[in-house]
Amino acid sequence: MESVVRQILDSRGDLAVPVAQLDLAANLFDAGLSSFGAVEVMVGLEEHFGSSFPDRLLRRETFSTIAALIGAAEELHRHSLAA
């Protein structure tokens, strides 16, 4: 799951720091993630898993670290399997 999140961040996040250099707890907004970039990452995850983000995950904290995005991606994956 980490590789999926990193790939989407790399292709859609438009970060100022290479994704490969960020650890799981690095603040993505400090690394250059904008609100537009967060939306792009969300869309990328939704497309990958074929599932929409639930409203309760639509908050800044969900997009603040790679670890938080992995948690959201795991939830999207579970939701797509249940559908």
C-alpha atoms as a PDB file:
ATOM      1  CA  MET A   1       0.000   0.000   0.000  1.00  0.00           C
ATOM      2  CA  GLU A   2       2.879   2.341   0.735  1.00  0.00           C
ATOM      3  CA  SER A   3       4.171   2.004  -2.824  1.00  0.00           C
ATOM      4  CA  VAL A   4       0.734   2.887  -4.264  1.00  0.00           C
ATOM      5  CA  VAL A   5       0.497   5.994  -2.078  1.00  0.00           C
ATOM      6  CA  ARG A   6       4.048   7.072  -2.916  1.00  0.00           C
ATOM      7  CA  GLN A   7       3.453   6.575  -6.645  1.00  0.00           C
ATOM      8  CA  ILE A   8       0.284   8.685  -6.574  1.00  0.00           C
ATOM      9  CA  LEU A   9       1.972  11.363  -4.466  1.00  0.00           C
ATOM     10  CA  ASP A  10       4.870  11.416  -6.897  1.00  0.00           C
ATOM     11  CA  SER A  11       2.675  11.722  -9.986  1.00  0.00           C
ATOM     12  CA  ARG A  12      -0.033  14.036  -8.617  1.00  0.00           C
ATOM     13  CA  GLY A  13       1.179  15.724  -5.429  1.00  0.00           C
ATOM     14  CA  ASP A  14       3.574  18.226  -7.040  1.00  0.00           C
ATOM     15  CA  LEU A  15       5.808  18.197  -3.954  1.00  0.00           C
ATOM     16  CA  ALA A  16       8.925  20.336  -3.614  1.00  0.00           C
ATOM     17  CA  VAL A  17      10.756  17.347  -2.084  1.00  0.00           C
ATOM     18  CA  PRO A  18      11.165  13.981  -3.836  1.00  0.00           C
ATOM     19  CA  VAL A  19       8.654  11.521  -2.386  1.00  0.00           C
ATOM     20  CA  ALA A  20      11.396   8.904  -1.992  1.00  0.00           C
ATOM     21  CA  GLN A  21      13.152  11.188   0.519  1.00  0.00           C
ATOM     22  CA  LEU A  22      10.116  11.478   2.808  1.00  0.00           C
ATOM     23  CA  ASP A  23       9.554   9.165   5.740  1.00  0.00           C
ATOM     24  CA  LEU A  24       6.096   8.004   6.737  1.00  0.00           C
ATOM     25  CA  ALA A  25       5.650  10.760   9.323  1.00  0.00           C
ATOM     26  CA  ALA A  26       6.969  13.687   7.257  1.00  0.00           C
ATOM     27  CA  ASN A  27       4.517  16.562   6.970  1.00  0.00           C
ATOM     28  CA  LEU A  28       3.434  16.615   3.331  1.00  0.00           C
ATOM     29  CA  PHE A  29       2.252  20.217   3.516  1.00  0.00           C
ATOM     30  CA  ASP A  30       5.727  21.238   4.712  1.00  0.00           C
ATOM     31  CA  ALA A  31       7.080  19.259   1.736  1.00  0.00           C
ATOM     32  CA  GLY A  32       5.046  21.411  -0.647  1.00  0.00           C
ATOM     33  CA  LEU A  33       1.660  19.700  -0.899  1.00  0.00           C
ATOM     34  CA  SER A  34      -0.962  22.325  -1.698  1.00  0.00           C
ATOM     35  CA  SER A  35      -4.717  22.047  -1.285  1.00  0.00           C
ATOM     36  CA  PHE A  36      -4.954  21.468  -5.050  1.00  0.00           C
ATOM     37  CA  GLY A  37      -2.279  18.772  -4.777  1.00  0.00           C
ATOM     38  CA  ALA A  38      -4.234  17.110  -1.963  1.00  0.00           C
ATOM     39  CA  VAL A  39      -7.312  17.007  -4.191  1.00  0.00           C
ATOM     40  CA  GLU A  40      -5.235  15.510  -7.012  1.00  0.00           C
ATOM     41  CA  VAL A  41      -3.901  12.836  -4.647  1.00  0.00           C
ATOM     42  CA  MET A  42      -7.442  12.102  -3.470  1.00  0.00           C
ATOM     43  CA  VAL A  43      -8.646  11.694  -7.061  1.00  0.00           C
ATOM     44  CA  GLY A  44      -5.676   9.460  -7.849  1.00  0.00           C
ATOM     45  CA  LEU A  45      -6.473   7.195  -4.894  1.00  0.00           C
ATOM     46  CA  GLU A  46     -10.154   7.117  -5.804  1.00  0.00           C
ATOM     47  CA  GLU A  47      -9.331   6.146  -9.372  1.00  0.00           C
ATOM     48  CA  HIS A  48      -6.861   3.487  -8.255  1.00  0.00           C
ATOM     49  CA  PHE A  49      -9.301   1.826  -5.863  1.00  0.00           C
ATOM     50  CA  GLY A  50     -12.532   2.584  -7.707  1.00  0.00           C
ATOM     51  CA  SER A  51     -14.047   4.012  -4.548  1.00  0.00           C
ATOM     52  CA  SER A  52     -14.881   7.506  -3.297  1.00  0.00           C
ATOM     53  CA  PHE A  53     -13.412   9.058  -0.171  1.00  0.00           C
ATOM     54  CA  PRO A  54     -15.954   9.037   2.662  1.00  0.00           C
ATOM     55  CA  ASP A  55     -16.779  12.499   3.972  1.00  0.00           C
ATOM     56  CA  ARG A  56     -15.157  11.799   7.344  1.00  0.00           C
ATOM     57  CA  LEU A  57     -11.747  11.414   5.632  1.00  0.00           C
ATOM     58  CA  LEU A  58     -12.020  14.746   3.841  1.00  0.00           C
ATOM     59  CA  ARG A  59      -9.886  16.681   6.290  1.00  0.00           C
ATOM     60  CA  ARG A  60      -6.385  18.070   6.313  1.00  0.00           C
ATOM     61  CA  GLU A  61      -5.069  15.391   8.677  1.00  0.00           C
ATOM     62  CA  THR A  62      -5.832  12.652   6.130  1.00  0.00           C
ATOM     63  CA  PHE A  63      -3.394  14.253   3.686  1.00  0.00           C
ATOM     64  CA  SER A  64      -0.781  15.417   6.187  1.00  0.00           C
ATOM     65  CA  THR A  65       1.553  12.391   6.120  1.00  0.00           C
ATOM     66  CA  ILE A  66       2.247   9.327   4.015  1.00  0.00           C
ATOM     67  CA  ALA A  67       1.195   7.185   6.983  1.00  0.00           C
ATOM     68  CA  ALA A  68      -2.190   8.927   7.144  1.00  0.00           C
ATOM     69  CA  LEU A  69      -2.658   8.470   3.400  1.00  0.00           C
ATOM     70  CA  ILE A  70      -1.827   4.781   3.721  1.00  0.00           C
ATOM     71  CA  GLY A  71      -4.580   4.482   6.333  1.00  0.00           C
ATOM     72  CA  ALA A  72      -7.037   6.206   3.998  1.00  0.00           C
ATOM     73  CA  ALA A  73      -5.928   4.030   1.063  1.00  0.00           C
ATOM     74  CA  GLU A  74      -6.420   0.883   3.131  1.00  0.00           C
ATOM     75  CA  GLU A  75      -9.939   2.006   3.955  1.00  0.00           C
ATOM     76  CA  LEU A  76     -10.683   2.744   0.290  1.00  0.00           C
ATOM     77  CA  HIS A  77      -9.338  -0.684  -0.605  1.00  0.00           C
ATOM     78  CA  ARG A  78     -11.541  -2.411   1.991  1.00  0.00           C
ATOM     79  CA  HIS A  79     -14.541  -0.455   0.744  1.00  0.00           C
ATOM     80  CA  SER A  80     -13.847  -1.423  -2.873  1.00  0.00           C
ATOM     81  CA  LEU A  81     -13.642  -5.119  -1.896  1.00  0.00           C
ATOM     82  CA  ALA A  82     -16.965  -4.909  -0.051  1.00  0.00           C
ATOM     83  CA  ALA A  83     -18.762  -3.275  -2.976  1.00  0.00           C
END
